[in-house]
Amino acid sequence: MRRSRLGLADNAKKTSIDPLQKALTDRIDLRLAVKQTHWTVRDARFQQLQEFFSSLVGPLGEEIDTMAERVTALGAYVRVSISAVDEGGDADTANVFTGTSRSLDKTLWFVEAHRPAEAG
């Protein structure tokens, strides 16, 4: 961990870096999966689905930037949870995770709204 002037104890930084890096990796994987789906969608609603998947990529990119910047600010070299980092003393990183959680809930709602209704 490199030195930074961020006003957090080293323990709080160390506690936050690992979950942030794991979440960052997950978001990068998710963004790539959504982008891959965008590229390969084949359906009668091709245009609508391409636009839908494109609308998900931007917010995921913003989350990735936020997490990567936070990891860097904490002193980690950029290449799980809200309660873990909050208990470690880093409320700002917990807030990043909370915002990400809200965004993922919204994304899930959008994805589920585009699924065909199940019979029966």
Protein backbone atom coordinates (compact mmCIF):
# COMPACT_ATOMS: atom_id res chain seq x y z
CA MET A 1 0.00 0.00 0.00
CA ARG A 2 1.41 3.36 -0.98
CA ARG A 3 1.24 6.44 1.21
CA SER A 4 -1.65 8.84 0.80
CA ARG A 5 -2.85 11.89 2.67
CA LEU A 6 -6.34 10.47 3.01
CA GLY A 7 -7.47 10.95 6.60
CA LEU A 8 -8.12 7.27 7.38
CA ALA A 9 -6.21 4.86 9.58
CA ASP A 10 -4.11 2.30 7.71
CA ASN A 11 -6.36 -0.46 9.06
CA ALA A 12 -9.45 1.20 7.57
CA LYS A 13 -7.67 1.50 4.22
CA LYS A 14 -6.52 -2.13 4.26
CA THR A 15 -9.99 -3.32 5.26
CA SER A 16 -11.59 -1.46 2.34
CA ILE A 17 -9.11 -2.16 -0.45
CA ASP A 18 -9.68 -5.92 -0.81
CA PRO A 19 -13.50 -5.80 -0.99
CA LEU A 20 -13.30 -2.83 -3.37
CA GLN A 21 -10.93 -4.67 -5.67
CA LYS A 22 -13.18 -7.75 -5.66
CA ALA A 23 -16.26 -5.65 -6.38
CA LEU A 24 -14.36 -3.79 -9.09
CA THR A 25 -13.47 -7.08 -10.76
CA ASP A 26 -17.10 -8.22 -10.56
CA ARG A 27 -18.34 -4.97 -12.14
CA ILE A 28 -15.79 -5.22 -14.94
CA ASP A 29 -16.92 -8.79 -15.63
CA LEU A 30 -20.58 -7.73 -15.55
CA ARG A 31 -19.97 -4.79 -17.89
CA LEU A 32 -18.15 -7.04 -20.33
CA ALA A 33 -20.96 -9.63 -20.18
CA VAL A 34 -23.59 -6.95 -20.88
CA LYS A 35 -21.49 -5.55 -23.74
CA GLN A 36 -21.04 -9.07 -25.16
CA THR A 37 -24.81 -9.58 -25.01
CA HIS A 38 -25.28 -6.25 -26.78
CA TRP A 39 -22.97 -7.39 -29.59
CA THR A 40 -24.54 -10.82 -30.03
CA VAL A 41 -28.27 -10.27 -29.48
CA ARG A 42 -30.42 -11.95 -32.12
CA ASP A 43 -34.13 -11.38 -31.74
CA ALA A 44 -37.12 -9.83 -33.46
CA ARG A 45 -36.66 -6.93 -31.03
CA PHE A 46 -32.99 -6.52 -32.02
CA GLN A 47 -32.93 -2.70 -32.03
CA GLN A 48 -34.83 -2.37 -28.75
CA LEU A 49 -32.63 -4.94 -27.01
CA GLN A 50 -29.41 -3.39 -28.32
CA GLU A 51 -30.47 -0.01 -26.99
CA PHE A 52 -31.47 -1.56 -23.66
CA PHE A 53 -28.13 -3.31 -23.16
CA SER A 54 -26.28 -0.17 -24.23
CA SER A 55 -28.16 1.77 -21.53
CA LEU A 56 -26.75 -0.59 -18.89
CA VAL A 57 -23.12 -0.26 -19.98
CA GLY A 58 -22.76 3.44 -19.12
CA PRO A 59 -23.80 3.23 -15.45
CA LEU A 60 -21.61 0.15 -14.97
CA GLY A 61 -18.67 2.09 -16.41
CA GLU A 62 -19.35 4.90 -13.95
CA GLU A 63 -19.38 2.45 -11.03
CA ILE A 64 -16.11 0.95 -12.25
CA ASP A 65 -14.51 4.40 -12.38
CA THR A 66 -15.81 5.28 -8.90
CA MET A 67 -14.46 2.06 -7.39
CA ALA A 68 -11.12 2.24 -9.18
CA GLU A 69 -10.65 5.84 -8.08
CA ARG A 70 -11.53 4.93 -4.48
CA VAL A 71 -9.06 2.04 -4.47
CA THR A 72 -6.38 4.44 -5.70
CA ALA A 73 -7.33 7.08 -3.14
CA LEU A 74 -6.96 4.50 -0.38
CA GLY A 75 -3.37 3.90 -1.44
CA ALA A 76 -3.71 0.65 -3.35
CA TYR A 77 -2.32 0.16 -6.77
CA VAL A 78 -5.20 -0.23 -9.20
CA ARG A 79 -4.68 -3.21 -11.24
CA VAL A 80 -17.38 -7.09 0.13
CA SER A 81 -19.42 -5.77 1.51
CA ILE A 82 -20.92 -2.58 2.93
CA SER A 83 -20.79 -3.70 6.53
CA ALA A 84 -17.18 -4.95 6.33
CA VAL A 85 -15.78 -1.60 5.22
CA ASP A 86 -18.14 0.33 7.49
CA GLU A 87 -17.01 -1.71 10.49
CA GLY A 88 -13.43 -1.11 9.37
CA GLY A 89 -14.03 2.61 9.77
CA ASP A 90 -14.39 3.71 6.13
CA ALA A 91 -17.88 5.18 5.74
CA ASP A 92 -17.05 6.69 2.33
CA THR A 93 -16.26 3.30 0.78
CA ALA A 94 -19.38 1.86 2.44
CA ASN A 95 -21.29 4.66 0.70
CA VAL A 96 -19.73 3.67 -2.65
CA PHE A 97 -20.93 0.11 -2.09
CA THR A 98 -24.39 1.31 -1.05
CA GLY A 99 -24.73 3.36 -4.23
CA THR A 100 -23.55 0.42 -6.28
CA SER A 101 -26.04 -1.86 -4.55
CA ARG A 102 -28.88 0.53 -5.39
CA SER A 103 -27.74 0.72 -8.99
CA LEU A 104 -27.54 -3.06 -9.30
CA ASP A 105 -31.06 -3.39 -7.86
CA LYS A 106 -32.30 -0.96 -10.48
CA THR A 107 -30.43 -2.79 -13.25
CA LEU A 108 -31.94 -6.10 -12.13
CA TRP A 109 -35.39 -4.54 -12.22
CA PHE A 110 -34.78 -3.30 -15.78
CA VAL A 111 -33.52 -6.72 -16.90
CA GLU A 112 -36.45 -8.53 -15.30
CA ALA A 113 -38.91 -6.09 -16.86
CA HIS A 114 -37.62 -7.11 -20.31
CA ARG A 115 -38.10 -10.82 -19.71
CA PRO A 116 -41.16 -12.39 -21.28
CA ALA A 117 -43.96 -13.13 -18.82
CA GLU A 118 -43.92 -16.74 -17.64
CA ALA A 119 -46.86 -18.87 -18.64
CA GLY A 120 -49.24 -20.04 -15.94
